[in-house]
Amino acid sequence: MNQLTDIDRTLSAPELPEGLDTPVVVVDLERVDANIARMQSHLDERGVALRPHAKTHKSPFFAKRQRAAGAVGITVAVLGEAEVMADAGIEDVFVAYPVWAVGEKARRLQDLAGRCRFAVGADSVEGVQQLGRAVAGSSARPDVLIEVDSGEGRTGTDAARVVEVARAVDDAGLLLRGVFTHGGHAYRGPDRVAGAAEDEGSTLAAALRALLDAGFEVPVVSAGSTPTAVASAADPVTEERPGTYVFGDRQQANLGGSDPAMLALAVAATVVSTAVPGRCVLDAGAKALAKDRPDWLAGHGVVPQLPGAVIRAVYDHHAVVDLADDTPRPHVGDVVAVVPNHACPVVNLTDELLLTRAGEVVDRLPVLARGRNR
C-alpha cells in the first residue's frame, strides 16, 4: 500500500507554537481532556469501569487526570511503570502482564504490594507458583488476574485451562481478582475490530463460566484495547483497559478508536532538505517517530499540512516524504506537525512532552516512566 486512506486525509494535528526546537512531541491538553471525558462517558453509560493503560503516556500527570474523570485505577505493562505511578500517589495499579518474579523483581513486587492496591497478571501455573515464592513470608501480596487469549496469539492461557491456573493461585496463598484479555488482533485492520471485540466478550464469558462452575469468585472481568473498548463493554465485561485513546494517533483514527479531529499528540519536525524533486526530508526520523507501520497503512505517519504526502522511509534522524503532485512544495526551515502511526513508542522515545493550549506552550512535562521497561 502506498496511498493514504480517506481517514488519513481528515486527520487534525495539534496547533504548533512558534519557534519550536525540533523534533519535539507536542500534546494539546484541551484535546487530551476531551478524549479522557469521551471514553469515560462511553463506559459510564454502559456501567463498565475504566482502568486506562498508562503505557501510552507513561506519566502520573495524565494518570491523575484520568482518575479525576472517573477511572477506577491504572493499568501498566511492567513493574517500572507501576513504581512511577505508586511513587506519585496512584493507589490502584494493575500490571497487565505475566510477571516472572525472580531476583530483584521479587523484591520490587513485594514493595509495590505493600504500598498500593496492586495486582499482576498470570497465564500459567508456573508463573503463579513463582509469584507465590516471590512473596513467601511477606504480608504484602499482589492480587492476581488470569490472562486468557481471545485471538491475538500473544500471551494468555486457553479459557479451558483457566481453572487450573486459578487453583494454582489458591495454592500459592494469593487472591484471585478476576480474568482479563487483550483484543490485540483488532490492530490487524479496520475490518477486524468488530470481530476482536466479540472475541473478547465470548472468551471472557467462557473463562468466567468455568471459574464460577469450579466455585471461584470472579469480581473483575477485564477487556482492553482502544479500538474495541466501547464495543466490548457489555456483559460479562466489568472493566476496560484502553490506553491510546488519551492522545489518539493515526492508527487509532483509522481503526475507529480515536476521533480524527481530536488527535492530541504530534511530532513537530523541520524540513531540512528539498534537494530531490517531489520530496522533502524532515528532522524527525525513527528516533522520534518510531518505526511502527501496520501493513494496511502507507508510510510512517501523516503530515496534515502537506496533503497527500506519504512518509516513505525513516532513518535514525531523517524522514523522507514523497509529496503529492498537487501539494505546494515546502521550504527548508518550515516546521510541520507529523501525526505518528503509534503514539505509545513515540512517547517512550522522548524525555519530555511540550504541553500546549490553543497553540501556546503551558509546560514541559518530563516523561517519568520513559525507559522503565522492566
Protein backbone atom coordinates (compact mmCIF):
# COMPACT_ATOMS: atom_id res chain seq x y z
CA MET A 1 0.00 0.00 0.00
CA ASN A 2 1.40 3.40 -0.99
CA GLN A 3 -1.64 5.65 -0.73
CA LEU A 4 -3.24 7.49 2.17
CA THR A 5 -6.67 6.39 3.36
CA ASP A 6 -9.76 8.59 3.34
CA ILE A 7 -9.40 8.89 7.14
CA ASP A 8 -5.75 9.94 6.76
CA ARG A 9 -6.89 12.91 4.73
CA THR A 10 -9.10 14.15 7.59
CA LEU A 11 -6.56 13.98 10.43
CA SER A 12 -6.15 17.12 12.51
CA ALA A 13 -2.87 17.66 14.38
CA PRO A 14 -2.48 19.95 17.40
CA GLU A 15 -1.68 23.56 16.60
CA LEU A 16 2.06 24.16 16.84
CA PRO A 17 3.55 27.03 18.86
CA GLU A 18 6.01 29.35 17.16
CA GLY A 19 9.77 28.95 17.49
CA LEU A 20 9.99 25.24 18.29
CA ASP A 21 13.33 23.47 18.59
CA THR A 22 12.57 20.28 16.66
CA PRO A 23 11.97 17.42 16.73
CA VAL A 24 9.69 17.71 19.76
CA VAL A 25 6.50 15.95 20.85
CA VAL A 26 3.60 18.36 21.28
CA VAL A 27 0.48 17.48 23.30
CA ASP A 28 -2.70 19.58 23.22
CA LEU A 29 -4.22 19.50 26.73
CA GLU A 30 -7.69 20.58 25.62
CA ARG A 31 -7.86 17.61 23.26
CA VAL A 32 -6.45 15.28 25.94
CA ASP A 33 -9.15 16.30 28.39
CA ALA A 34 -11.83 15.88 25.73
CA ASN A 35 -10.55 12.39 24.87
CA ILE A 36 -10.47 11.40 28.54
CA ALA A 37 -14.01 12.64 29.08
CA ARG A 38 -15.30 10.95 25.92
CA MET A 39 -14.06 7.47 26.85
CA GLN A 40 -15.15 7.85 30.46
CA SER A 41 -18.64 8.86 29.32
CA HIS A 42 -18.93 5.91 26.92
CA LEU A 43 -18.08 3.43 29.64
CA ASP A 44 -20.14 5.15 32.33
CA GLU A 45 -23.16 4.85 30.05
CA ARG A 46 -22.54 1.10 29.86
CA GLY A 47 -21.91 0.65 33.57
CA VAL A 48 -18.37 -0.63 32.92
CA ALA A 49 -15.34 0.54 34.91
CA LEU A 50 -12.41 2.22 33.16
CA ARG A 51 -8.84 1.30 34.12
CA PRO A 52 -6.75 3.06 31.45
CA HIS A 53 -3.39 1.75 30.35
CA ALA A 54 -0.58 4.16 31.20
CA LYS A 55 1.96 2.71 28.76
CA THR A 56 0.74 5.35 26.30
CA HIS A 57 1.50 8.47 28.33
CA LYS A 58 3.93 6.96 30.90
CA SER A 59 3.16 9.85 33.23
CA PRO A 60 1.34 10.29 36.56
CA PHE A 61 0.26 13.72 35.27
CA PHE A 62 -2.15 12.13 32.79
CA ALA A 63 -3.00 9.19 35.06
CA LYS A 64 -4.28 11.64 37.68
CA ARG A 65 -6.42 13.38 35.06
CA GLN A 66 -7.92 10.03 34.13
CA ARG A 67 -8.56 9.16 37.78
CA ALA A 68 -10.16 12.56 38.40
CA ALA A 69 -12.51 11.92 35.47
CA GLY A 70 -13.69 8.64 37.00
CA ALA A 71 -11.17 5.88 36.21
CA VAL A 72 -11.10 3.20 38.94
CA GLY A 73 -7.34 2.71 38.71
CA ILE A 74 -4.45 2.50 36.29
CA THR A 75 -3.07 -0.32 34.14
CA VAL A 76 0.65 -0.61 33.37
CA ALA A 77 2.82 -3.03 31.43
CA VAL A 78 5.80 -3.50 33.73
CA LEU A 79 6.89 -3.06 37.34
CA GLY A 80 8.92 0.04 36.44
CA GLU A 81 5.82 1.86 35.25
CA ALA A 82 3.96 0.68 38.36
CA GLU A 83 6.70 2.12 40.59
CA VAL A 84 6.50 5.52 38.90
CA MET A 85 2.72 5.57 39.38
CA ALA A 86 2.91 4.46 43.03
CA ASP A 87 5.66 6.99 43.76
CA ALA A 88 3.28 9.71 42.56
CA GLY A 89 0.44 8.55 44.80
CA ILE A 90 -1.58 6.48 42.32
CA GLU A 91 -3.06 4.00 44.78
CA ASP A 92 -4.58 1.32 42.50
CA VAL A 93 -2.33 -0.27 39.88
CA PHE A 94 -2.61 -3.42 37.74
CA VAL A 95 0.34 -4.85 35.81
CA ALA A 96 -1.42 -6.48 32.84
CA TYR A 97 1.48 -8.78 32.05
CA PRO A 98 2.56 -12.26 33.18
CA VAL A 99 5.31 -11.11 35.54
CA TRP A 100 8.08 -13.68 36.14
CA ALA A 101 9.03 -12.56 39.66
CA VAL A 102 12.60 -13.61 40.37
CA GLY A 103 15.59 -11.80 41.86
CA GLU A 104 15.17 -8.06 42.06
CA LYS A 105 11.70 -8.27 40.53
CA ALA A 106 10.55 -10.32 43.53
CA ARG A 107 11.68 -7.61 45.94
CA ARG A 108 10.07 -4.89 43.85
CA LEU A 109 6.85 -6.88 43.64
CA GLN A 110 6.66 -7.12 47.43
CA ASP A 111 7.39 -3.43 47.79
CA LEU A 112 4.60 -2.44 45.40
CA ALA A 113 2.11 -4.77 47.06
CA GLY A 114 2.90 -3.08 50.36
CA ARG A 115 2.19 0.50 49.26
CA CYS A 116 -0.81 0.41 46.91
CA ARG A 117 -3.73 -1.75 45.85
CA PHE A 118 -1.75 -3.90 43.49
CA ALA A 119 -2.46 -6.72 41.06
CA VAL A 120 -0.48 -8.60 38.44
CA GLY A 121 -1.31 -10.83 35.52
CA ALA A 122 -0.55 -14.53 35.12
CA ASP A 123 -1.29 -17.08 32.43
CA SER A 124 0.42 -20.25 33.69
CA VAL A 125 0.67 -22.46 36.75
CA GLU A 126 4.44 -21.95 36.73
CA GLY A 127 4.10 -18.18 36.70
CA VAL A 128 1.66 -18.24 39.61
CA GLN A 129 3.89 -20.58 41.61
CA GLN A 130 6.78 -18.17 41.11
CA LEU A 131 4.63 -15.28 42.30
CA GLY A 132 3.90 -17.29 45.45
CA ARG A 133 7.60 -17.92 46.03
CA ALA A 134 8.38 -14.24 45.42
CA VAL A 135 6.13 -13.10 48.29
CA ALA A 136 6.64 -16.06 50.62
CA GLY A 137 6.85 -14.87 54.21
CA SER A 138 5.52 -11.41 53.37
CA SER A 139 2.15 -9.99 54.35
CA ALA A 140 2.23 -7.78 51.25
CA ARG A 141 0.79 -9.83 48.41
CA PRO A 142 -0.49 -8.85 44.98
CA ASP A 143 -3.87 -9.91 43.70
CA VAL A 144 -3.85 -11.97 40.51
CA LEU A 145 -5.85 -11.70 37.30
CA ILE A 146 -5.57 -14.60 34.90
CA GLU A 147 -4.99 -13.67 31.28
CA VAL A 148 -6.88 -15.57 28.60
CA ASP A 149 -6.11 -15.38 24.88
CA SER A 150 -9.07 -14.07 22.89
CA GLY A 151 -7.40 -14.36 19.49
CA GLU A 152 -4.26 -12.25 19.44
CA GLY A 153 -1.98 -15.26 19.93
CA ARG A 154 0.45 -13.46 22.24
CA THR A 155 0.10 -14.16 25.97
CA GLY A 156 -2.90 -15.66 27.72
CA THR A 157 -3.99 -19.20 28.50
CA ASP A 158 -6.86 -21.02 26.84
CA ALA A 159 -10.18 -20.49 28.59
CA ALA A 160 -10.37 -24.26 29.09
CA ARG A 161 -7.28 -24.15 31.32
CA VAL A 162 -8.21 -21.15 33.41
CA VAL A 163 -9.40 -23.28 36.36
CA GLU A 164 -6.01 -24.97 36.55
CA VAL A 165 -4.30 -21.59 36.87
CA ALA A 166 -6.90 -20.39 39.38
CA ARG A 167 -6.22 -23.40 41.61
CA ALA A 168 -2.53 -22.52 41.49
CA VAL A 169 -3.42 -19.00 42.69
CA ASP A 170 -5.24 -20.53 45.67
CA ASP A 171 -2.37 -22.92 46.40
CA ALA A 172 0.10 -20.00 46.34
CA GLY A 173 -1.91 -18.17 49.00
CA LEU A 174 -2.81 -15.36 46.61
CA LEU A 175 -6.17 -13.72 45.93
CA LEU A 176 -7.83 -14.24 42.56
CA ARG A 177 -9.26 -10.89 41.48
CA GLY A 178 -10.51 -11.97 38.07
CA VAL A 179 -9.70 -12.62 34.42
CA PHE A 180 -8.54 -10.35 31.61
CA THR A 181 -7.82 -10.35 27.91
CA HIS A 182 -6.47 -8.06 25.21
CA GLY A 183 -8.15 -7.98 21.81
CA GLY A 184 -4.93 -7.05 20.07
CA HIS A 185 -5.95 -8.70 16.83
CA ALA A 186 -8.13 -5.62 16.28
CA TYR A 187 -4.91 -3.93 15.16
CA ARG A 188 -4.70 -6.17 12.10
CA GLY A 189 -7.04 -3.84 10.25
CA PRO A 190 -10.29 -1.87 10.43
CA ASP A 191 -12.24 -4.92 9.29
CA ARG A 192 -11.02 -6.88 12.33
CA VAL A 193 -12.20 -4.56 15.11
CA ALA A 194 -15.79 -5.78 15.50
CA GLY A 195 -14.75 -9.42 15.48
CA ALA A 196 -11.99 -8.81 18.03
CA ALA A 197 -14.47 -7.13 20.37
CA GLU A 198 -16.81 -10.11 20.06
CA ASP A 199 -13.88 -12.46 20.70
CA GLU A 200 -13.00 -10.61 23.90
CA GLY A 201 -16.53 -10.98 25.22
CA SER A 202 -17.02 -14.62 24.27
CA THR A 203 -13.60 -15.71 25.57
CA LEU A 204 -14.08 -13.92 28.87
CA ALA A 205 -17.58 -15.39 29.18
CA ALA A 206 -16.20 -18.90 28.71
CA ALA A 207 -13.45 -18.32 31.28
CA LEU A 208 -15.93 -16.82 33.73
CA ARG A 209 -18.33 -19.79 33.40
CA ALA A 210 -15.50 -22.24 34.01
CA LEU A 211 -14.33 -20.41 37.12
CA LEU A 212 -17.81 -19.99 38.58
CA ASP A 213 -18.63 -23.64 37.93
CA ALA A 214 -15.44 -24.56 39.82
CA GLY A 215 -16.53 -22.47 42.81
CA PHE A 216 -14.30 -19.40 42.35
CA GLU A 217 -15.41 -15.83 42.94
CA VAL A 218 -14.58 -13.58 39.98
CA PRO A 219 -15.19 -9.92 40.82
CA VAL A 220 -13.37 -8.47 37.78
CA VAL A 221 -13.80 -9.42 34.12
CA SER A 222 -11.48 -7.11 32.19
CA ALA A 223 -11.16 -6.43 28.45
CA GLY A 224 -8.83 -3.99 26.87
CA SER A 225 -7.82 -2.18 23.70
CA THR A 226 -8.67 1.29 22.48
CA PRO A 227 -10.39 0.20 19.23
CA THR A 228 -12.55 -2.44 20.97
CA ALA A 229 -13.17 -0.76 24.33
CA VAL A 230 -16.65 0.59 23.64
CA ALA A 231 -17.90 -2.38 21.61
CA SER A 232 -16.76 -4.99 24.15
CA ALA A 233 -18.14 -3.05 27.14
CA ALA A 234 -21.08 -5.41 27.66
CA ASP A 235 -21.95 -8.37 29.87
CA PRO A 236 -19.92 -10.13 31.24
CA VAL A 237 -17.20 -7.44 30.99
CA THR A 238 -16.92 -5.30 34.13
CA GLU A 239 -13.78 -3.29 33.23
CA GLU A 240 -11.99 -1.91 30.18
CA ARG A 241 -8.27 -1.05 29.83
CA PRO A 242 -7.77 1.16 26.73
CA GLY A 243 -4.63 3.29 26.59
CA THR A 244 -4.00 5.12 23.34
CA TYR A 245 -7.36 6.93 23.41
CA VAL A 246 -5.82 9.59 25.69
CA PHE A 247 -3.80 11.00 22.76
CA GLY A 248 -5.01 9.15 19.72
CA ASP A 249 -2.83 8.51 16.69
CA ARG A 250 -3.10 7.73 13.00
CA GLN A 251 -3.65 4.01 13.58
CA GLN A 252 -6.44 4.59 16.11
CA ALA A 253 -8.19 7.08 13.85
CA ASN A 254 -8.27 4.51 11.06
CA LEU A 255 -9.45 1.76 13.43
CA GLY A 256 -12.26 3.92 14.84
CA GLY A 257 -10.69 4.23 18.29
CA SER A 258 -9.99 7.97 18.02
CA ASP A 259 -11.78 10.97 16.57
CA PRO A 260 -9.62 12.12 13.60
CA ALA A 261 -10.38 15.73 14.54
CA MET A 262 -9.24 15.33 18.17
CA LEU A 263 -5.76 13.85 17.92
CA ALA A 264 -3.84 15.35 20.83
CA LEU A 265 -0.25 14.37 20.04
CA ALA A 266 2.03 15.27 17.15
CA VAL A 267 5.74 15.34 16.47
CA ALA A 268 6.85 18.79 15.37
CA ALA A 269 9.53 18.49 12.69
CA THR A 270 11.53 20.84 10.50
CA VAL A 271 12.02 20.49 6.75
CA VAL A 272 15.79 20.16 6.41
CA SER A 273 16.09 19.28 2.72
CA THR A 274 14.19 19.66 -0.56
CA ALA A 275 17.11 18.58 -2.73
CA VAL A 276 15.22 15.78 -4.50
CA PRO A 277 12.31 16.94 -6.67
CA GLY A 278 8.95 15.72 -5.39
CA ARG A 279 10.36 15.00 -1.93
CA CYS A 280 11.34 16.68 1.29
CA VAL A 281 13.21 15.44 4.34
CA LEU A 282 12.22 16.13 7.94
CA ASP A 283 14.44 16.07 11.03
CA ALA A 284 12.12 13.62 12.86
CA GLY A 285 13.29 10.14 11.94
CA ALA A 286 12.85 6.76 13.56
CA LYS A 287 14.22 8.05 16.87
CA ALA A 288 11.31 10.48 17.05
CA LEU A 289 8.50 8.79 15.10
CA ALA A 290 9.37 5.12 15.81
CA LYS A 291 9.07 2.53 13.04
CA ASP A 292 5.61 1.10 13.68
CA ARG A 293 3.77 0.67 10.40
CA PRO A 294 0.87 -1.76 10.03
CA ASP A 295 0.79 -3.35 6.59
CA TRP A 296 -2.62 -1.79 5.92
CA LEU A 297 -1.31 1.79 6.19
CA ALA A 298 1.04 3.63 3.85
CA GLY A 299 4.16 5.17 5.32
CA HIS A 300 5.28 6.22 8.80
CA GLY A 301 2.84 8.96 9.68
CA VAL A 302 0.76 11.75 8.16
CA VAL A 303 1.63 15.42 7.68
CA PRO A 304 -1.72 17.25 7.51
CA GLN A 305 0.00 20.45 6.31
CA LEU A 306 1.21 18.54 3.24
CA PRO A 307 -1.98 16.97 1.85
CA GLY A 308 -1.43 13.66 0.13
CA ALA A 309 2.19 13.36 1.28
CA VAL A 310 3.49 9.93 2.34
CA ILE A 311 6.43 9.43 4.70
CA ARG A 312 8.03 6.74 2.59
CA ALA A 313 11.01 5.95 4.83
CA VAL A 314 12.50 6.79 8.21
CA TYR A 315 16.15 6.60 9.19
CA ASP A 316 17.53 7.45 12.62
CA HIS A 317 17.23 11.21 12.11
CA HIS A 318 15.61 11.55 8.68
CA ALA A 319 12.04 11.14 7.49
CA VAL A 320 11.80 11.04 3.69
CA VAL A 321 8.48 12.40 2.46
CA ASP A 322 7.03 11.83 -1.00
CA LEU A 323 4.93 14.86 -1.93
CA ALA A 324 1.71 14.70 -3.92
CA ASP A 325 1.79 16.33 -7.34
CA ASP A 326 -0.73 18.98 -6.31
CA THR A 327 0.84 19.75 -2.91
CA PRO A 328 2.63 23.11 -2.57
CA ARG A 329 6.32 22.48 -2.07
CA PRO A 330 7.54 23.21 1.47
CA HIS A 331 10.65 25.28 2.07
CA VAL A 332 13.71 24.36 4.05
CA GLY A 333 13.09 25.63 7.58
CA ASP A 334 9.32 25.09 7.51
CA VAL A 335 8.00 23.41 10.69
CA VAL A 336 5.24 20.82 10.28
CA ALA A 337 3.25 18.54 12.58
CA VAL A 338 3.50 14.79 11.98
CA VAL A 339 0.69 12.56 13.24
CA PRO A 340 2.56 9.34 14.13
CA ASN A 341 1.24 5.89 13.35
CA HIS A 342 1.51 4.80 17.00
CA ALA A 343 1.74 7.25 19.89
CA CYS A 344 2.99 4.83 22.56
CA PRO A 345 6.57 4.26 21.31
CA VAL A 346 6.84 7.93 20.36
CA VAL A 347 6.30 8.93 24.00
CA ASN A 348 8.83 6.34 25.16
CA LEU A 349 11.43 7.86 22.83
CA THR A 350 11.32 11.40 24.24
CA ASP A 351 12.46 12.90 27.53
CA GLU A 352 9.64 15.42 27.69
CA LEU A 353 6.30 16.42 26.23
CA LEU A 354 5.56 20.01 25.26
CA LEU A 355 2.11 20.75 26.70
CA THR A 356 0.02 23.33 24.87
CA ARG A 357 -3.34 25.08 24.88
CA ALA A 358 -4.59 26.91 21.79
CA GLY A 359 -1.12 26.72 20.28
CA GLU A 360 0.63 28.23 23.29
CA VAL A 361 3.16 26.38 25.45
CA VAL A 362 1.93 25.93 29.03
CA ASP A 363 4.51 23.47 30.38
CA ARG A 364 7.27 20.98 29.64
CA LEU A 365 6.40 17.61 31.15
CA PRO A 366 9.14 15.05 31.88
CA VAL A 367 8.14 11.54 30.79
CA LEU A 368 8.80 9.99 34.19
CA ALA A 369 8.34 6.36 33.14
CA ARG A 370 10.36 6.69 29.95
CA GLY A 371 12.67 3.71 29.57
CA ARG A 372 11.13 1.92 32.54
CA ASN A 373 10.74 -1.25 30.50
CA ARG A 374 11.23 -3.89 33.18
